[in-house]
């Protein structure tokens, strides 16, 4: 099975890679910061940036508990993204970001954003992800068989390579390029961003690292930094204001 098995493994990995990472070029025209966040980290990252967008627009506010509610008599504004508008509609009562994510209107907006990014060639669709994962796992199993049958120096590295396919981010090569180029054009520095749009874009491409620098109080109170980051940030920045209450850090939002 040695040579034939290796050929089958390579063919499976090539097929999985083509399904997982093509196309090389996608359409980024008209993509908002929320959309860029969706490319980088999926719908969860997109919703986090949409919440930041609403906060910077002054149409939602965070209570002492960290739950969000829209400001009375406010409107979402014309420049707010579709996901941001959907989130604004559910903040008629106090909700956490996690609660808002489960609301039907927000779930529909997240699904529409996901479909748009897949259509643009920037994210890999679910069907392709499943098929690519199945091919990779089959290739990994064949690689292990090759290793067991006497060629561990070939089979084991191929098996490890096969495991990286389903674990990789769901961005296509076009999506990877978009995130990398946007990150290069908008580096995270200690300087204050020019305005809300730039702040949202920095949060979109740098994730929680940007929120720790740009909006530490708001991000910690609303749970956008995660439990540990929230405790550290509150203690460092505004512990006197919020007392001992701790709310629940990589760059993925």
C-alpha atoms as a PDB file:
ATOM      1  CA  UNK A   1       0.000   0.000   0.000  1.00  0.00           C
ATOM      2  CA  UNK A   2       3.034   2.264   0.402  1.00  0.00           C
ATOM      3  CA  UNK A   3       3.258   4.207  -2.861  1.00  0.00           C
ATOM      4  CA  UNK A   4      -0.441   3.930  -3.700  1.00  0.00           C
ATOM      5  CA  UNK A   5      -1.366   5.028  -0.190  1.00  0.00           C
ATOM      6  CA  UNK A   6       0.886   8.080  -0.389  1.00  0.00           C
ATOM      7  CA  UNK A   7      -0.635   9.053  -3.739  1.00  0.00           C
ATOM      8  CA  UNK A   8      -4.140   8.723  -2.270  1.00  0.00           C
ATOM      9  CA  UNK A   9      -3.163  10.847   0.732  1.00  0.00           C
ATOM     10  CA  UNK A  10      -1.657  13.574  -1.445  1.00  0.00           C
ATOM     11  CA  UNK A  11      -4.689  13.556  -3.747  1.00  0.00           C
ATOM     12  CA  UNK A  12      -7.020  13.836  -0.753  1.00  0.00           C
ATOM     13  CA  UNK A  13      -5.032  16.709   0.728  1.00  0.00           C
ATOM     14  CA  UNK A  14      -4.947  18.557  -2.585  1.00  0.00           C
ATOM     15  CA  UNK A  15      -8.697  18.138  -2.978  1.00  0.00           C
ATOM     16  CA  UNK A  16      -9.327  19.291   0.599  1.00  0.00           C
ATOM     17  CA  UNK A  17      -7.050  22.284   0.111  1.00  0.00           C
ATOM     18  CA  UNK A  18      -8.759  23.338  -3.113  1.00  0.00           C
ATOM     19  CA  UNK A  19     -12.170  23.108  -1.455  1.00  0.00           C
ATOM     20  CA  UNK A  20     -10.980  24.876   1.676  1.00  0.00           C
ATOM     21  CA  UNK A  21      -8.957  27.785   0.323  1.00  0.00           C
ATOM     22  CA  UNK A  22     -10.059  28.664  -3.207  1.00  0.00           C
ATOM     23  CA  UNK A  23     -10.648  31.188  -4.686  1.00  0.00           C
ATOM     24  CA  UNK A  24      -7.405  33.123  -4.661  1.00  0.00           C
ATOM     25  CA  UNK A  25      -9.176  36.371  -5.513  1.00  0.00           C
ATOM     26  CA  UNK A  26     -12.466  37.614  -4.109  1.00  0.00           C
ATOM     27  CA  UNK A  27     -14.645  40.742  -4.138  1.00  0.00           C
ATOM     28  CA  UNK A  28     -14.078  43.201  -1.326  1.00  0.00           C
ATOM     29  CA  UNK A  29     -15.774  46.228  -2.883  1.00  0.00           C
ATOM     30  CA  UNK A  30     -18.216  47.937  -0.535  1.00  0.00           C
ATOM     31  CA  UNK A  31     -17.273  45.714   2.406  1.00  0.00           C
ATOM     32  CA  UNK A  32     -17.820  47.406   5.773  1.00  0.00           C
ATOM     33  CA  UNK A  33     -15.709  46.986   8.903  1.00  0.00           C
ATOM     34  CA  UNK A  34     -18.332  44.512  10.139  1.00  0.00           C
ATOM     35  CA  UNK A  35     -17.846  42.522   6.938  1.00  0.00           C
ATOM     36  CA  UNK A  36     -14.060  42.569   7.333  1.00  0.00           C
ATOM     37  CA  UNK A  37     -14.497  41.272  10.879  1.00  0.00           C
ATOM     38  CA  UNK A  38     -16.697  38.510   9.481  1.00  0.00           C
ATOM     39  CA  UNK A  39     -13.939  37.528   7.066  1.00  0.00           C
ATOM     40  CA  UNK A  40     -11.367  37.419   9.842  1.00  0.00           C
ATOM     41  CA  UNK A  41     -13.308  35.764  12.627  1.00  0.00           C
ATOM     42  CA  UNK A  42     -16.750  34.764  11.352  1.00  0.00           C
ATOM     43  CA  UNK A  43     -20.212  35.994  12.433  1.00  0.00           C
ATOM     44  CA  UNK A  44     -19.244  36.233  16.116  1.00  0.00           C
ATOM     45  CA  UNK A  45     -16.437  38.694  15.384  1.00  0.00           C
ATOM     46  CA  UNK A  46     -18.759  40.596  13.034  1.00  0.00           C
ATOM     47  CA  UNK A  47     -21.385  40.989  15.775  1.00  0.00           C
ATOM     48  CA  UNK A  48     -18.761  42.269  18.212  1.00  0.00           C
ATOM     49  CA  UNK A  49     -17.711  44.975  15.761  1.00  0.00           C
ATOM     50  CA  UNK A  50     -21.379  45.788  15.058  1.00  0.00           C
ATOM     51  CA  UNK A  51     -21.856  46.380  18.791  1.00  0.00           C
ATOM     52  CA  UNK A  52     -18.790  48.636  18.807  1.00  0.00           C
ATOM     53  CA  UNK A  53     -20.246  50.440  15.796  1.00  0.00           C
ATOM     54  CA  UNK A  54     -23.498  51.118  17.664  1.00  0.00           C
ATOM     55  CA  UNK A  55     -21.627  52.249  20.760  1.00  0.00           C
ATOM     56  CA  UNK A  56     -19.494  54.708  18.791  1.00  0.00           C
ATOM     57  CA  UNK A  57     -22.596  56.005  17.020  1.00  0.00           C
ATOM     58  CA  UNK A  58     -24.029  56.793  20.465  1.00  0.00           C
ATOM     59  CA  UNK A  59     -27.205  54.752  19.938  1.00  0.00           C
ATOM     60  CA  UNK A  60     -26.621  52.032  22.549  1.00  0.00           C
ATOM     61  CA  UNK A  61     -25.293  52.316  26.065  1.00  0.00           C
ATOM     62  CA  UNK A  62     -23.960  49.797  28.555  1.00  0.00           C
ATOM     63  CA  UNK A  63     -25.413  49.596  32.028  1.00  0.00           C
ATOM     64  CA  UNK A  64     -23.444  48.838  35.177  1.00  0.00           C
ATOM     65  CA  UNK A  65     -24.176  45.142  34.682  1.00  0.00           C
ATOM     66  CA  UNK A  66     -22.616  45.263  31.219  1.00  0.00           C
ATOM     67  CA  UNK A  67     -25.917  44.690  29.439  1.00  0.00           C
ATOM     68  CA  UNK A  68     -26.678  46.891  26.458  1.00  0.00           C
ATOM     69  CA  UNK A  69     -29.754  48.954  25.708  1.00  0.00           C
ATOM     70  CA  UNK A  70     -30.456  51.443  22.958  1.00  0.00           C
ATOM     71  CA  UNK A  71     -30.565  55.110  23.833  1.00  0.00           C
ATOM     72  CA  UNK A  72     -34.088  56.514  24.072  1.00  0.00           C
ATOM     73  CA  UNK A  73     -35.313  58.248  20.896  1.00  0.00           C
ATOM     74  CA  UNK A  74     -32.175  57.222  19.012  1.00  0.00           C
ATOM     75  CA  UNK A  75     -32.024  55.684  15.552  1.00  0.00           C
ATOM     76  CA  UNK A  76     -29.396  53.320  14.122  1.00  0.00           C
ATOM     77  CA  UNK A  77     -28.275  55.827  11.476  1.00  0.00           C
ATOM     78  CA  UNK A  78     -27.765  55.412   7.769  1.00  0.00           C
ATOM     79  CA  UNK A  79     -24.115  54.411   8.018  1.00  0.00           C
ATOM     80  CA  UNK A  80     -24.692  51.507  10.404  1.00  0.00           C
ATOM     81  CA  UNK A  81     -24.245  48.050   8.885  1.00  0.00           C
ATOM     82  CA  UNK A  82     -27.139  45.658   8.330  1.00  0.00           C
ATOM     83  CA  UNK A  83     -25.962  43.526  11.255  1.00  0.00           C
ATOM     84  CA  UNK A  84     -25.674  46.645  13.395  1.00  0.00           C
ATOM     85  CA  UNK A  85     -29.248  47.654  12.543  1.00  0.00           C
ATOM     86  CA  UNK A  86     -30.490  44.175  13.414  1.00  0.00           C
ATOM     87  CA  UNK A  87     -28.660  44.313  16.742  1.00  0.00           C
ATOM     88  CA  UNK A  88     -30.101  47.773  17.449  1.00  0.00           C
ATOM     89  CA  UNK A  89     -33.640  46.456  17.059  1.00  0.00           C
ATOM     90  CA  UNK A  90     -33.163  43.855  19.809  1.00  0.00           C
ATOM     91  CA  UNK A  91     -31.609  46.274  22.293  1.00  0.00           C
ATOM     92  CA  UNK A  92     -35.023  47.735  23.071  1.00  0.00           C
ATOM     93  CA  UNK A  93     -34.527  45.954  26.391  1.00  0.00           C
ATOM     94  CA  UNK A  94     -31.294  45.273  28.236  1.00  0.00           C
ATOM     95  CA  UNK A  95     -29.435  42.334  26.730  1.00  0.00           C
ATOM     96  CA  UNK A  96     -25.935  40.959  26.836  1.00  0.00           C
ATOM     97  CA  UNK A  97     -24.085  40.506  23.561  1.00  0.00           C
ATOM     98  CA  UNK A  98     -24.583  36.736  23.859  1.00  0.00           C
ATOM     99  CA  UNK A  99     -28.335  37.201  24.335  1.00  0.00           C
ATOM    100  CA  UNK A 100     -28.463  39.523  21.322  1.00  0.00           C
ATOM    101  CA  UNK A 101     -26.665  36.921  19.208  1.00  0.00           C
ATOM    102  CA  UNK A 102     -29.475  34.448  19.890  1.00  0.00           C
ATOM    103  CA  UNK A 103     -32.241  36.855  18.816  1.00  0.00           C
ATOM    104  CA  UNK A 104     -33.932  35.834  15.530  1.00  0.00           C
ATOM    105  CA  UNK A 105     -33.298  39.179  13.817  1.00  0.00           C
ATOM    106  CA  UNK A 106     -29.592  39.050  14.624  1.00  0.00           C
ATOM    107  CA  UNK A 107     -29.313  35.393  13.638  1.00  0.00           C
ATOM    108  CA  UNK A 108     -30.858  36.209  10.253  1.00  0.00           C
ATOM    109  CA  UNK A 109     -28.492  39.144   9.740  1.00  0.00           C
ATOM    110  CA  UNK A 110     -25.497  36.989  10.655  1.00  0.00           C
ATOM    111  CA  UNK A 111     -26.616  34.292   8.214  1.00  0.00           C
ATOM    112  CA  UNK A 112     -27.032  36.909   5.480  1.00  0.00           C
ATOM    113  CA  UNK A 113     -23.561  38.269   6.182  1.00  0.00           C
ATOM    114  CA  UNK A 114     -22.098  34.760   6.074  1.00  0.00           C
ATOM    115  CA  UNK A 115     -23.801  34.088   2.736  1.00  0.00           C
ATOM    116  CA  UNK A 116     -22.540  37.404   1.348  1.00  0.00           C
ATOM    117  CA  UNK A 117     -18.944  36.658   2.357  1.00  0.00           C
ATOM    118  CA  UNK A 118     -19.164  33.176   0.848  1.00  0.00           C
ATOM    119  CA  UNK A 119     -20.590  34.672  -2.359  1.00  0.00           C
ATOM    120  CA  UNK A 120     -17.707  37.139  -2.469  1.00  0.00           C
ATOM    121  CA  UNK A 121     -15.230  34.268  -2.240  1.00  0.00           C
ATOM    122  CA  UNK A 122     -13.811  35.484   1.093  1.00  0.00           C
ATOM    123  CA  UNK A 123     -15.129  32.711   3.361  1.00  0.00           C
ATOM    124  CA  UNK A 124     -15.584  28.999   2.788  1.00  0.00           C
ATOM    125  CA  UNK A 125     -19.200  27.807   2.811  1.00  0.00           C
ATOM    126  CA  UNK A 126     -20.417  25.116   5.191  1.00  0.00           C
ATOM    127  CA  UNK A 127     -20.858  22.449   2.519  1.00  0.00           C
ATOM    128  CA  UNK A 128     -17.320  22.961   1.300  1.00  0.00           C
ATOM    129  CA  UNK A 129     -16.008  22.958   4.861  1.00  0.00           C
ATOM    130  CA  UNK A 130     -17.693  19.630   5.580  1.00  0.00           C
ATOM    131  CA  UNK A 131     -16.472  18.036   2.345  1.00  0.00           C
ATOM    132  CA  UNK A 132     -12.948  19.381   2.805  1.00  0.00           C
ATOM    133  CA  UNK A 133     -12.898  18.079   6.376  1.00  0.00           C
ATOM    134  CA  UNK A 134     -14.093  14.648   5.259  1.00  0.00           C
ATOM    135  CA  UNK A 135     -11.404  14.460   2.570  1.00  0.00           C
ATOM    136  CA  UNK A 136      -8.740  15.575   5.044  1.00  0.00           C
ATOM    137  CA  UNK A 137      -9.809  13.022   7.646  1.00  0.00           C
ATOM    138  CA  UNK A 138      -9.858  10.261   5.032  1.00  0.00           C
ATOM    139  CA  UNK A 139      -6.386  11.319   3.913  1.00  0.00           C
ATOM    140  CA  UNK A 140      -5.230  11.350   7.528  1.00  0.00           C
ATOM    141  CA  UNK A 141      -6.547   7.844   8.113  1.00  0.00           C
ATOM    142  CA  UNK A 142      -4.786   6.586   4.996  1.00  0.00           C
ATOM    143  CA  UNK A 143      -1.590   8.319   6.109  1.00  0.00           C
ATOM    144  CA  UNK A 144      -1.763   6.547   9.476  1.00  0.00           C
ATOM    145  CA  UNK A 145      -2.209   3.231   7.659  1.00  0.00           C
ATOM    146  CA  UNK A 146       0.898   4.005   5.606  1.00  0.00           C
ATOM    147  CA  UNK A 147       2.799   4.745   8.824  1.00  0.00           C
ATOM    148  CA  UNK A 148       1.648   1.531  10.502  1.00  0.00           C
ATOM    149  CA  UNK A 149       2.606  -0.541   7.475  1.00  0.00           C
ATOM    150  CA  UNK A 150       6.241   0.470   7.636  1.00  0.00           C
ATOM    151  CA  UNK A 151       6.669   4.065   6.474  1.00  0.00           C
ATOM    152  CA  UNK A 152       6.211   6.222   9.591  1.00  0.00           C
ATOM    153  CA  UNK A 153       8.598   8.933   8.327  1.00  0.00           C
ATOM    154  CA  UNK A 154       6.186   9.538   5.447  1.00  0.00           C
ATOM    155  CA  UNK A 155       2.824   8.628   6.944  1.00  0.00           C
ATOM    156  CA  UNK A 156       3.023  10.542  10.233  1.00  0.00           C
ATOM    157  CA  UNK A 157       3.929  13.958   8.746  1.00  0.00           C
ATOM    158  CA  UNK A 158       1.127  13.548   6.186  1.00  0.00           C
ATOM    159  CA  UNK A 159      -1.317  12.612   8.947  1.00  0.00           C
ATOM    160  CA  UNK A 160      -0.367  15.721  10.928  1.00  0.00           C
ATOM    161  CA  UNK A 161      -0.730  17.837   7.789  1.00  0.00           C
ATOM    162  CA  UNK A 162      -4.204  16.401   7.224  1.00  0.00           C
ATOM    163  CA  UNK A 163      -5.247  17.439  10.739  1.00  0.00           C
ATOM    164  CA  UNK A 164      -4.393  21.084  10.033  1.00  0.00           C
ATOM    165  CA  UNK A 165      -7.028  21.356   7.276  1.00  0.00           C
ATOM    166  CA  UNK A 166     -10.215  21.162   9.417  1.00  0.00           C
ATOM    167  CA  UNK A 167      -8.536  23.249  12.152  1.00  0.00           C
ATOM    168  CA  UNK A 168      -7.631  26.166   9.881  1.00  0.00           C
ATOM    169  CA  UNK A 169      -9.727  29.380   9.789  1.00  0.00           C
ATOM    170  CA  UNK A 170     -12.606  29.292   7.311  1.00  0.00           C
ATOM    171  CA  UNK A 171     -11.132  32.121   5.264  1.00  0.00           C
ATOM    172  CA  UNK A 172     -10.266  31.470   1.646  1.00  0.00           C
ATOM    173  CA  UNK A 173      -6.945  32.610   0.212  1.00  0.00           C
ATOM    174  CA  UNK A 174      -8.757  35.740  -0.957  1.00  0.00           C
ATOM    175  CA  UNK A 175      -9.997  36.301   2.585  1.00  0.00           C
ATOM    176  CA  UNK A 176      -6.530  35.777   4.037  1.00  0.00           C
ATOM    177  CA  UNK A 177      -5.148  38.331   1.595  1.00  0.00           C
ATOM    178  CA  UNK A 178      -7.869  40.856   2.447  1.00  0.00           C
ATOM    179  CA  UNK A 179      -7.232  40.585   6.194  1.00  0.00           C
ATOM    180  CA  UNK A 180      -3.449  40.736   5.776  1.00  0.00           C
ATOM    181  CA  UNK A 181      -3.524  43.757   3.468  1.00  0.00           C
ATOM    182  CA  UNK A 182      -6.064  45.612   5.619  1.00  0.00           C
ATOM    183  CA  UNK A 183      -3.960  44.909   8.698  1.00  0.00           C
ATOM    184  CA  UNK A 184      -0.880  46.281   6.952  1.00  0.00           C
ATOM    185  CA  UNK A 185      -2.737  49.441   5.913  1.00  0.00           C
ATOM    186  CA  UNK A 186      -4.215  49.938   9.388  1.00  0.00           C
ATOM    187  CA  UNK A 187      -1.610  48.983  12.008  1.00  0.00           C
ATOM    188  CA  UNK A 188      -2.575  49.108  15.657  1.00  0.00           C
ATOM    189  CA  UNK A 189      -0.658  51.912  17.388  1.00  0.00           C
ATOM    190  CA  UNK A 190      -0.987  53.963  20.561  1.00  0.00           C
ATOM    191  CA  UNK A 191      -2.355  56.913  18.593  1.00  0.00           C
ATOM    192  CA  UNK A 192      -6.054  57.746  18.807  1.00  0.00           C
ATOM    193  CA  UNK A 193      -7.880  56.731  15.583  1.00  0.00           C
ATOM    194  CA  UNK A 194      -9.235  59.474  13.333  1.00  0.00           C
ATOM    195  CA  UNK A 195     -12.867  58.533  13.936  1.00  0.00           C
ATOM    196  CA  UNK A 196     -15.436  55.787  14.551  1.00  0.00           C
ATOM    197  CA  UNK A 197     -14.959  54.210  11.111  1.00  0.00           C
ATOM    198  CA  UNK A 198     -11.224  53.757  11.672  1.00  0.00           C
ATOM    199  CA  UNK A 199     -11.821  52.434  15.193  1.00  0.00           C
ATOM    200  CA  UNK A 200     -14.256  49.832  13.864  1.00  0.00           C
ATOM    201  CA  UNK A 201     -11.816  48.820  11.142  1.00  0.00           C
ATOM    202  CA  UNK A 202      -9.004  48.399  13.653  1.00  0.00           C
ATOM    203  CA  UNK A 203     -11.278  46.256  15.819  1.00  0.00           C
ATOM    204  CA  UNK A 204     -12.268  44.270  12.735  1.00  0.00           C
ATOM    205  CA  UNK A 205      -8.727  43.292  11.741  1.00  0.00           C
ATOM    206  CA  UNK A 206      -6.945  43.262  15.119  1.00  0.00           C
ATOM    207  CA  UNK A 207      -9.762  41.870  17.266  1.00  0.00           C
ATOM    208  CA  UNK A 208      -9.482  41.947  21.036  1.00  0.00           C
ATOM    209  CA  UNK A 209      -6.017  43.483  20.927  1.00  0.00           C
ATOM    210  CA  UNK A 210      -7.562  46.596  19.389  1.00  0.00           C
ATOM    211  CA  UNK A 211     -10.409  46.683  21.908  1.00  0.00           C
ATOM    212  CA  UNK A 212      -7.963  46.507  24.812  1.00  0.00           C
ATOM    213  CA  UNK A 213      -6.184  49.571  23.441  1.00  0.00           C
ATOM    214  CA  UNK A 214      -9.072  51.611  22.022  1.00  0.00           C
ATOM    215  CA  UNK A 215     -12.162  50.773  24.110  1.00  0.00           C
ATOM    216  CA  UNK A 216     -10.971  48.936  27.234  1.00  0.00           C
ATOM    217  CA  UNK A 217     -13.770  50.102  29.546  1.00  0.00           C
ATOM    218  CA  UNK A 218     -16.652  49.393  27.188  1.00  0.00           C
ATOM    219  CA  UNK A 219     -15.214  46.101  25.935  1.00  0.00           C
ATOM    220  CA  UNK A 220     -14.555  44.847  29.458  1.00  0.00           C
ATOM    221  CA  UNK A 221     -17.969  45.828  30.816  1.00  0.00           C
ATOM    222  CA  UNK A 222     -19.850  44.197  27.946  1.00  0.00           C
ATOM    223  CA  UNK A 223     -17.813  40.979  27.926  1.00  0.00           C
ATOM    224  CA  UNK A 224     -16.146  41.507  24.551  1.00  0.00           C
ATOM    225  CA  UNK A 225     -12.743  40.752  26.061  1.00  0.00           C
ATOM    226  CA  UNK A 226     -13.672  37.526  27.828  1.00  0.00           C
ATOM    227  CA  UNK A 227     -13.761  36.935  31.581  1.00  0.00           C
ATOM    228  CA  UNK A 228     -10.055  37.127  32.388  1.00  0.00           C
ATOM    229  CA  UNK A 229      -9.415  40.174  30.216  1.00  0.00           C
ATOM    230  CA  UNK A 230     -12.439  41.894  31.729  1.00  0.00           C
ATOM    231  CA  UNK A 231     -11.174  41.469  35.278  1.00  0.00           C
ATOM    232  CA  UNK A 232      -7.706  42.692  34.351  1.00  0.00           C
ATOM    233  CA  UNK A 233      -8.959  45.664  32.334  1.00  0.00           C
ATOM    234  CA  UNK A 234     -11.495  46.819  34.932  1.00  0.00           C
ATOM    235  CA  UNK A 235      -8.896  46.606  37.670  1.00  0.00           C
ATOM    236  CA  UNK A 236      -6.425  48.613  35.617  1.00  0.00           C
ATOM    237  CA  UNK A 237      -8.625  51.287  34.058  1.00  0.00           C
ATOM    238  CA  UNK A 238     -11.723  52.010  36.073  1.00  0.00           C
ATOM    239  CA  UNK A 239     -11.798  49.842  39.139  1.00  0.00           C
ATOM    240  CA  UNK A 240     -12.742  52.861  41.256  1.00  0.00           C
ATOM    241  CA  UNK A 241     -15.798  53.506  39.079  1.00  0.00           C
ATOM    242  CA  UNK A 242     -17.180  49.986  39.032  1.00  0.00           C
ATOM    243  CA  UNK A 243     -16.066  48.735  42.389  1.00  0.00           C
ATOM    244  CA  UNK A 244     -15.337  45.055  42.773  1.00  0.00           C
ATOM    245  CA  UNK A 245     -17.744  43.838  40.116  1.00  0.00           C
ATOM    246  CA  UNK A 246     -15.870  41.859  37.452  1.00  0.00           C
ATOM    247  CA  UNK A 247     -17.427  41.130  34.114  1.00  0.00           C
ATOM    248  CA  UNK A 248     -17.069  38.379  31.921  1.00  0.00           C
ATOM    249  CA  UNK A 249      -7.630  37.381  24.704  1.00  0.00           C
ATOM    250  CA  UNK A 250      -6.431  36.493  21.783  1.00  0.00           C
ATOM    251  CA  UNK A 251      -7.172  38.658  18.791  1.00  0.00           C
ATOM    252  CA  UNK A 252     -10.256  36.841  17.620  1.00  0.00           C
ATOM    253  CA  UNK A 253     -13.069  38.698  19.403  1.00  0.00           C
END
